[in-house]
C-alpha atoms as a PDB file:
ATOM      1  CA  UNK A   1       0.000   0.000   0.000  1.00  0.00           C
ATOM      2  CA  UNK A   2       1.223   3.479  -0.867  1.00  0.00           C
ATOM      3  CA  UNK A   3       0.347   6.358   1.430  1.00  0.00           C
ATOM      4  CA  UNK A   4       0.951  10.084   1.186  1.00  0.00           C
ATOM      5  CA  UNK A   5       0.920  12.949   3.624  1.00  0.00           C
ATOM      6  CA  UNK A   6       0.426  16.653   2.997  1.00  0.00           C
ATOM      7  CA  UNK A   7       1.023  19.571   5.322  1.00  0.00           C
ATOM      8  CA  UNK A   8       1.695  23.295   5.129  1.00  0.00           C
ATOM      9  CA  UNK A   9       3.909  25.783   6.897  1.00  0.00           C
ATOM     10  CA  UNK A  10       3.105  29.467   7.179  1.00  0.00           C
ATOM     11  CA  UNK A  11      -0.678  29.838   7.173  1.00  0.00           C
ATOM     12  CA  UNK A  12      -0.703  32.428   9.943  1.00  0.00           C
ATOM     13  CA  UNK A  13       2.184  34.855   9.290  1.00  0.00           C
ATOM     14  CA  UNK A  14       1.581  38.367   8.014  1.00  0.00           C
ATOM     15  CA  UNK A  15       4.932  38.255   6.173  1.00  0.00           C
ATOM     16  CA  UNK A  16       6.400  35.850   3.672  1.00  0.00           C
ATOM     17  CA  UNK A  17       5.287  32.746   1.800  1.00  0.00           C
ATOM     18  CA  UNK A  18       3.339  29.629   2.670  1.00  0.00           C
ATOM     19  CA  UNK A  19       4.888  26.290   1.740  1.00  0.00           C
ATOM     20  CA  UNK A  20       2.978  23.031   1.182  1.00  0.00           C
ATOM     21  CA  UNK A  21       4.612  19.620   0.824  1.00  0.00           C
ATOM     22  CA  UNK A  22       3.566  16.123  -0.183  1.00  0.00           C
ATOM     23  CA  UNK A  23       5.496  13.056   0.981  1.00  0.00           C
ATOM     24  CA  UNK A  24       4.760   9.642  -0.547  1.00  0.00           C
ATOM     25  CA  UNK A  25       5.967   6.323   0.839  1.00  0.00           C
ATOM     26  CA  UNK A  26       5.320   2.597   0.985  1.00  0.00           C
ATOM     27  CA  UNK A  27       3.291   1.967   4.123  1.00  0.00           C
ATOM     28  CA  UNK A  28       5.774  -0.647   5.358  1.00  0.00           C
ATOM     29  CA  UNK A  29       8.634   1.892   5.093  1.00  0.00           C
ATOM     30  CA  UNK A  30       6.921   4.376   7.407  1.00  0.00           C
ATOM     31  CA  UNK A  31       8.529   2.735  10.448  1.00  0.00           C
ATOM     32  CA  UNK A  32      11.908   3.991   9.196  1.00  0.00           C
ATOM     33  CA  UNK A  33      10.668   7.559   9.489  1.00  0.00           C
ATOM     34  CA  UNK A  34       9.484   6.929  13.023  1.00  0.00           C
ATOM     35  CA  UNK A  35      12.870   5.510  14.065  1.00  0.00           C
ATOM     36  CA  UNK A  36      14.549   8.618  12.657  1.00  0.00           C
ATOM     37  CA  UNK A  37      12.433  10.814  14.901  1.00  0.00           C
ATOM     38  CA  UNK A  38      10.013  12.129  12.310  1.00  0.00           C
ATOM     39  CA  UNK A  39       6.961  13.819  13.837  1.00  0.00           C
ATOM     40  CA  UNK A  40       5.153  17.147  13.681  1.00  0.00           C
ATOM     41  CA  UNK A  41       7.792  19.721  12.719  1.00  0.00           C
ATOM     42  CA  UNK A  42       6.623  22.057  15.498  1.00  0.00           C
ATOM     43  CA  UNK A  43       7.856  19.469  18.015  1.00  0.00           C
ATOM     44  CA  UNK A  44      11.349  19.242  16.525  1.00  0.00           C
ATOM     45  CA  UNK A  45      14.225  21.629  17.169  1.00  0.00           C
ATOM     46  CA  UNK A  46      15.430  23.632  14.115  1.00  0.00           C
ATOM     47  CA  UNK A  47      18.790  21.844  13.744  1.00  0.00           C
ATOM     48  CA  UNK A  48      17.116  18.430  13.865  1.00  0.00           C
ATOM     49  CA  UNK A  49      14.486  19.586  11.348  1.00  0.00           C
ATOM     50  CA  UNK A  50      17.208  20.634   8.933  1.00  0.00           C
ATOM     51  CA  UNK A  51      18.952  17.277   9.303  1.00  0.00           C
ATOM     52  CA  UNK A  52      15.718  15.326   8.793  1.00  0.00           C
ATOM     53  CA  UNK A  53      14.863  17.450   5.749  1.00  0.00           C
ATOM     54  CA  UNK A  54      17.708  15.745   3.877  1.00  0.00           C
ATOM     55  CA  UNK A  55      17.556  12.347   5.577  1.00  0.00           C
ATOM     56  CA  UNK A  56      13.918  11.530   4.877  1.00  0.00           C
ATOM     57  CA  UNK A  57      13.998  12.245   1.141  1.00  0.00           C
ATOM     58  CA  UNK A  58      15.797   9.021   0.089  1.00  0.00           C
ATOM     59  CA  UNK A  59      13.218   6.944   1.984  1.00  0.00           C
ATOM     60  CA  UNK A  60      10.288   8.513   0.165  1.00  0.00           C
ATOM     61  CA  UNK A  61       9.023   7.231  -3.159  1.00  0.00           C
ATOM     62  CA  UNK A  62       8.279  10.780  -4.185  1.00  0.00           C
ATOM     63  CA  UNK A  63       7.982  14.228  -2.687  1.00  0.00           C
ATOM     64  CA  UNK A  64       7.234  17.720  -3.874  1.00  0.00           C
ATOM     65  CA  UNK A  65       7.139  21.151  -2.256  1.00  0.00           C
ATOM     66  CA  UNK A  66       5.422  24.255  -3.545  1.00  0.00           C
ATOM     67  CA  UNK A  67       5.871  27.726  -2.131  1.00  0.00           C
ATOM     68  CA  UNK A  68       3.182  30.359  -2.516  1.00  0.00           C
ATOM     69  CA  UNK A  69       4.667  33.840  -2.291  1.00  0.00           C
ATOM     70  CA  UNK A  70       2.929  36.611  -0.382  1.00  0.00           C
ATOM     71  CA  UNK A  71       2.252  38.326  -3.723  1.00  0.00           C
ATOM     72  CA  UNK A  72       0.505  35.241  -5.103  1.00  0.00           C
ATOM     73  CA  UNK A  73      -1.452  34.828  -1.858  1.00  0.00           C
ATOM     74  CA  UNK A  74      -2.608  38.438  -2.102  1.00  0.00           C
ATOM     75  CA  UNK A  75      -3.799  37.869  -5.674  1.00  0.00           C
ATOM     76  CA  UNK A  76      -5.565  34.591  -4.831  1.00  0.00           C
ATOM     77  CA  UNK A  77      -7.301  36.037  -1.774  1.00  0.00           C
ATOM     78  CA  UNK A  78      -9.180  38.522  -3.910  1.00  0.00           C
ATOM     79  CA  UNK A  79     -11.480  35.618  -4.854  1.00  0.00           C
ATOM     80  CA  UNK A  80     -10.767  32.809  -2.355  1.00  0.00           C
ATOM     81  CA  UNK A  81     -10.309  32.317   1.375  1.00  0.00           C
ATOM     82  CA  UNK A  82      -7.123  30.727   2.693  1.00  0.00           C
ATOM     83  CA  UNK A  83      -8.662  27.274   3.176  1.00  0.00           C
ATOM     84  CA  UNK A  84      -9.783  27.187  -0.450  1.00  0.00           C
ATOM     85  CA  UNK A  85      -6.372  28.355  -1.651  1.00  0.00           C
ATOM     86  CA  UNK A  86      -4.721  25.599   0.361  1.00  0.00           C
ATOM     87  CA  UNK A  87      -7.109  23.000  -1.101  1.00  0.00           C
ATOM     88  CA  UNK A  88      -6.315  24.205  -4.632  1.00  0.00           C
ATOM     89  CA  UNK A  89      -2.587  23.864  -4.033  1.00  0.00           C
ATOM     90  CA  UNK A  90      -2.951  20.470  -2.341  1.00  0.00           C
ATOM     91  CA  UNK A  91      -4.893  19.217  -5.357  1.00  0.00           C
ATOM     92  CA  UNK A  92      -2.115  20.555  -7.570  1.00  0.00           C
ATOM     93  CA  UNK A  93       0.444  18.492  -5.648  1.00  0.00           C
ATOM     94  CA  UNK A  94      -1.702  15.356  -5.908  1.00  0.00           C
ATOM     95  CA  UNK A  95      -2.543  15.871  -9.580  1.00  0.00           C
ATOM     96  CA  UNK A  96       1.145  16.248 -10.411  1.00  0.00           C
ATOM     97  CA  UNK A  97       2.253  13.179  -8.441  1.00  0.00           C
ATOM     98  CA  UNK A  98       3.606  10.325 -10.554  1.00  0.00           C
ATOM     99  CA  UNK A  99       3.140   7.638  -7.896  1.00  0.00           C
ATOM    100  CA  UNK A 100      -0.215   5.889  -7.539  1.00  0.00           C
ATOM    101  CA  UNK A 101      -1.463   6.854  -4.071  1.00  0.00           C
ATOM    102  CA  UNK A 102      -3.878   4.625  -2.164  1.00  0.00           C
ATOM    103  CA  UNK A 103      -4.466   6.776   0.933  1.00  0.00           C
ATOM    104  CA  UNK A 104      -3.786  10.480   1.356  1.00  0.00           C
ATOM    105  CA  UNK A 105      -3.522  11.979   4.840  1.00  0.00           C
ATOM    106  CA  UNK A 106      -3.956  15.736   5.070  1.00  0.00           C
ATOM    107  CA  UNK A 107      -3.727  18.193   7.935  1.00  0.00           C
ATOM    108  CA  UNK A 108      -7.109  19.939   7.674  1.00  0.00           C
ATOM    109  CA  UNK A 109      -7.655  23.620   8.526  1.00  0.00           C
ATOM    110  CA  UNK A 110     -11.445  23.154   8.381  1.00  0.00           C
ATOM    111  CA  UNK A 111     -13.095  22.259  11.695  1.00  0.00           C
ATOM    112  CA  UNK A 112     -16.091  20.557  10.078  1.00  0.00           C
ATOM    113  CA  UNK A 113     -15.416  16.893   9.317  1.00  0.00           C
ATOM    114  CA  UNK A 114     -15.364  16.141   5.600  1.00  0.00           C
ATOM    115  CA  UNK A 115     -15.404  19.765   4.484  1.00  0.00           C
ATOM    116  CA  UNK A 116     -11.749  20.016   3.547  1.00  0.00           C
ATOM    117  CA  UNK A 117     -11.845  16.699   1.681  1.00  0.00           C
ATOM    118  CA  UNK A 118     -14.688  18.091  -0.434  1.00  0.00           C
ATOM    119  CA  UNK A 119     -12.672  21.221  -1.128  1.00  0.00           C
ATOM    120  CA  UNK A 120      -9.720  19.127  -2.326  1.00  0.00           C
ATOM    121  CA  UNK A 121     -11.795  16.777  -4.468  1.00  0.00           C
ATOM    122  CA  UNK A 122     -13.313  19.736  -6.301  1.00  0.00           C
ATOM    123  CA  UNK A 123      -9.881  20.417  -7.786  1.00  0.00           C
ATOM    124  CA  UNK A 124      -8.636  16.850  -8.360  1.00  0.00           C
ATOM    125  CA  UNK A 125      -8.476  15.338 -11.824  1.00  0.00           C
ATOM    126  CA  UNK A 126     -10.790  12.420 -12.568  1.00  0.00           C
ATOM    127  CA  UNK A 127      -7.825  10.042 -12.413  1.00  0.00           C
ATOM    128  CA  UNK A 128      -7.005  11.067  -8.828  1.00  0.00           C
ATOM    129  CA  UNK A 129     -10.572  10.866  -7.497  1.00  0.00           C
ATOM    130  CA  UNK A 130     -10.093   7.197  -6.548  1.00  0.00           C
ATOM    131  CA  UNK A 131      -7.633   8.142  -3.797  1.00  0.00           C
ATOM    132  CA  UNK A 132      -8.950   7.712  -0.263  1.00  0.00           C
ATOM    133  CA  UNK A 133      -8.536  11.009   1.585  1.00  0.00           C
ATOM    134  CA  UNK A 134      -8.312  11.339   5.351  1.00  0.00           C
ATOM    135  CA  UNK A 135      -8.326  15.048   6.200  1.00  0.00           C
ATOM    136  CA  UNK A 136      -8.184  15.689   9.933  1.00  0.00           C
ATOM    137  CA  UNK A 137      -7.254  18.461  12.330  1.00  0.00           C
ATOM    138  CA  UNK A 138      -3.758  17.927  13.788  1.00  0.00           C
ATOM    139  CA  UNK A 139      -2.974  15.161  11.302  1.00  0.00           C
ATOM    140  CA  UNK A 140       0.665  16.252  11.475  1.00  0.00           C
ATOM    141  CA  UNK A 141       0.825  14.955  15.046  1.00  0.00           C
ATOM    142  CA  UNK A 142      -1.289  11.833  14.338  1.00  0.00           C
ATOM    143  CA  UNK A 143       0.355  10.410  11.220  1.00  0.00           C
ATOM    144  CA  UNK A 144       4.096   9.995  10.649  1.00  0.00           C
ATOM    145  CA  UNK A 145       3.854  10.628   6.920  1.00  0.00           C
ATOM    146  CA  UNK A 146       2.119  13.970   7.515  1.00  0.00           C
ATOM    147  CA  UNK A 147       4.874  14.775   9.997  1.00  0.00           C
ATOM    148  CA  UNK A 148       7.384  14.123   7.212  1.00  0.00           C
ATOM    149  CA  UNK A 149       5.507  16.513   4.934  1.00  0.00           C
ATOM    150  CA  UNK A 150       5.402  19.109   7.706  1.00  0.00           C
ATOM    151  CA  UNK A 151       9.202  18.958   8.009  1.00  0.00           C
ATOM    152  CA  UNK A 152       9.646  19.445   4.262  1.00  0.00           C
ATOM    153  CA  UNK A 153       7.254  22.410   4.270  1.00  0.00           C
ATOM    154  CA  UNK A 154       8.583  24.027   7.442  1.00  0.00           C
ATOM    155  CA  UNK A 155      12.270  23.902   6.521  1.00  0.00           C
ATOM    156  CA  UNK A 156      11.501  25.191   3.026  1.00  0.00           C
ATOM    157  CA  UNK A 157       9.576  28.176   4.384  1.00  0.00           C
ATOM    158  CA  UNK A 158      12.158  28.920   7.069  1.00  0.00           C
ATOM    159  CA  UNK A 159      14.876  29.095   4.421  1.00  0.00           C
ATOM    160  CA  UNK A 160      12.765  31.480   2.327  1.00  0.00           C
ATOM    161  CA  UNK A 161      12.345  33.702   5.387  1.00  0.00           C
ATOM    162  CA  UNK A 162      16.113  33.757   5.921  1.00  0.00           C
ATOM    163  CA  UNK A 163      16.587  34.816   2.273  1.00  0.00           C
ATOM    164  CA  UNK A 164      14.035  37.623   2.653  1.00  0.00           C
ATOM    165  CA  UNK A 165      15.721  38.734   5.880  1.00  0.00           C
ATOM    166  CA  UNK A 166      19.067  39.022   4.104  1.00  0.00           C
ATOM    167  CA  UNK A 167      17.480  41.234   1.463  1.00  0.00           C
ATOM    168  CA  UNK A 168      15.207  43.446   3.560  1.00  0.00           C
ATOM    169  CA  UNK A 169      16.542  43.171   7.118  1.00  0.00           C
ATOM    170  CA  UNK A 170      15.773  40.830   9.997  1.00  0.00           C
ATOM    171  CA  UNK A 171      11.999  40.896  10.556  1.00  0.00           C
ATOM    172  CA  UNK A 172      11.828  37.747  12.675  1.00  0.00           C
ATOM    173  CA  UNK A 173       9.517  34.868  11.872  1.00  0.00           C
ATOM    174  CA  UNK A 174       6.852  36.925  10.134  1.00  0.00           C
ATOM    175  CA  UNK A 175       4.218  35.866  12.663  1.00  0.00           C
ATOM    176  CA  UNK A 176       2.110  38.663  14.230  1.00  0.00           C
ATOM    177  CA  UNK A 177       2.960  37.418  17.739  1.00  0.00           C
ATOM    178  CA  UNK A 178       6.691  37.869  17.129  1.00  0.00           C
ATOM    179  CA  UNK A 179       7.912  41.138  18.773  1.00  0.00           C
ATOM    180  CA  UNK A 180      10.612  41.497  16.111  1.00  0.00           C
ATOM    181  CA  UNK A 181       7.994  41.220  13.356  1.00  0.00           C
ATOM    182  CA  UNK A 182       5.769  43.809  15.062  1.00  0.00           C
ATOM    183  CA  UNK A 183       8.659  46.240  15.455  1.00  0.00           C
ATOM    184  CA  UNK A 184       9.810  45.800  11.862  1.00  0.00           C
ATOM    185  CA  UNK A 185       6.306  46.359  10.480  1.00  0.00           C
ATOM    186  CA  UNK A 186       5.679  49.465  12.563  1.00  0.00           C
ATOM    187  CA  UNK A 187       9.008  51.070  11.688  1.00  0.00           C
ATOM    188  CA  UNK A 188       8.795  50.168   7.996  1.00  0.00           C
ATOM    189  CA  UNK A 189       5.300  51.611   7.596  1.00  0.00           C
ATOM    190  CA  UNK A 190       6.187  54.775   9.507  1.00  0.00           C
ATOM    191  CA  UNK A 191       9.231  55.324   7.317  1.00  0.00           C
ATOM    192  CA  UNK A 192       7.877  54.286   3.903  1.00  0.00           C
ATOM    193  CA  UNK A 193       4.133  54.938   4.290  1.00  0.00           C
ATOM    194  CA  UNK A 194       3.450  51.528   2.777  1.00  0.00           C
ATOM    195  CA  UNK A 195       3.709  47.837   3.659  1.00  0.00           C
ATOM    196  CA  UNK A 196       6.885  45.791   3.107  1.00  0.00           C
ATOM    197  CA  UNK A 197       6.825  44.074  -0.309  1.00  0.00           C
ATOM    198  CA  UNK A 198       6.536  40.617   1.281  1.00  0.00           C
ATOM    199  CA  UNK A 199       3.396  41.480   3.283  1.00  0.00           C
ATOM    200  CA  UNK A 200       0.081  39.671   3.145  1.00  0.00           C
ATOM    201  CA  UNK A 201      -2.148  42.678   2.624  1.00  0.00           C
ATOM    202  CA  UNK A 202      -5.399  41.016   3.719  1.00  0.00           C
ATOM    203  CA  UNK A 203      -4.021  40.011   7.135  1.00  0.00           C
ATOM    204  CA  UNK A 204      -5.429  42.144   9.956  1.00  0.00           C
ATOM    205  CA  UNK A 205      -1.945  42.907  11.307  1.00  0.00           C
ATOM    206  CA  UNK A 206      -1.037  44.581   8.010  1.00  0.00           C
ATOM    207  CA  UNK A 207      -4.352  46.366   7.486  1.00  0.00           C
ATOM    208  CA  UNK A 208      -4.218  47.776  11.023  1.00  0.00           C
ATOM    209  CA  UNK A 209      -0.684  49.047  10.464  1.00  0.00           C
ATOM    210  CA  UNK A 210      -1.793  50.907   7.359  1.00  0.00           C
ATOM    211  CA  UNK A 211      -4.957  52.202   9.061  1.00  0.00           C
ATOM    212  CA  UNK A 212      -2.844  53.635  11.863  1.00  0.00           C
ATOM    213  CA  UNK A 213      -0.447  55.437   9.542  1.00  0.00           C
ATOM    214  CA  UNK A 214      -3.342  56.756   7.434  1.00  0.00           C
ATOM    215  CA  UNK A 215      -5.028  58.093  10.574  1.00  0.00           C
ATOM    216  CA  UNK A 216      -1.822  59.865  11.599  1.00  0.00           C
ATOM    217  CA  UNK A 217      -1.462  61.339   8.107  1.00  0.00           C
ATOM    218  CA  UNK A 218      -4.991  62.737   8.194  1.00  0.00           C
ATOM    219  CA  UNK A 219      -4.394  64.360  11.589  1.00  0.00           C
ATOM    220  CA  UNK A 220      -1.232  66.018  10.297  1.00  0.00           C
ATOM    221  CA  UNK A 221      -2.967  67.477   7.293  1.00  0.00           C
END
């Protein structure tokens, strides 16, 4: 039996891209991943994640990672919510897979059971409709293969963030709860009167920052 796992990294940040990965493996090879310490990437220290990123690839039958830039997310969110965008990209990964998958495990952002599976199936090709899909909340901590996908996605996004930091300055993780991210956003907007080019413009953190600067501008004039 061939199983696959899909997970994302970077749904919540107000800065930077979101990465989504698919990991495909023979079911009887999954134990190898477990012995290596594969689990939800959030429960693994950064150095170990980076090591596993390279170590798990040879064990997989196939893997793929897509990164959706903040600019693309902004364009897509004109017509779709984030859950729908994620479903579209997950379907893209599945449709492009060369390996015949029997069961697909997906970390679901939808709370309602079955809703995210329906979203995904809407975008699957007819050939891929035969795949059994198990889309559950916290699947990355329940299924080893989803944990593997979470590592691929997380490390990929983290490296993109490092690249952006080298170009624009250290803005932290990009998450609204990060003090470094908050400070960077506030100072950038005050100085440039616009959002950083890697911002997700529909995120409340970014819209509030622009609202505040616009309010100050009006008071001055």
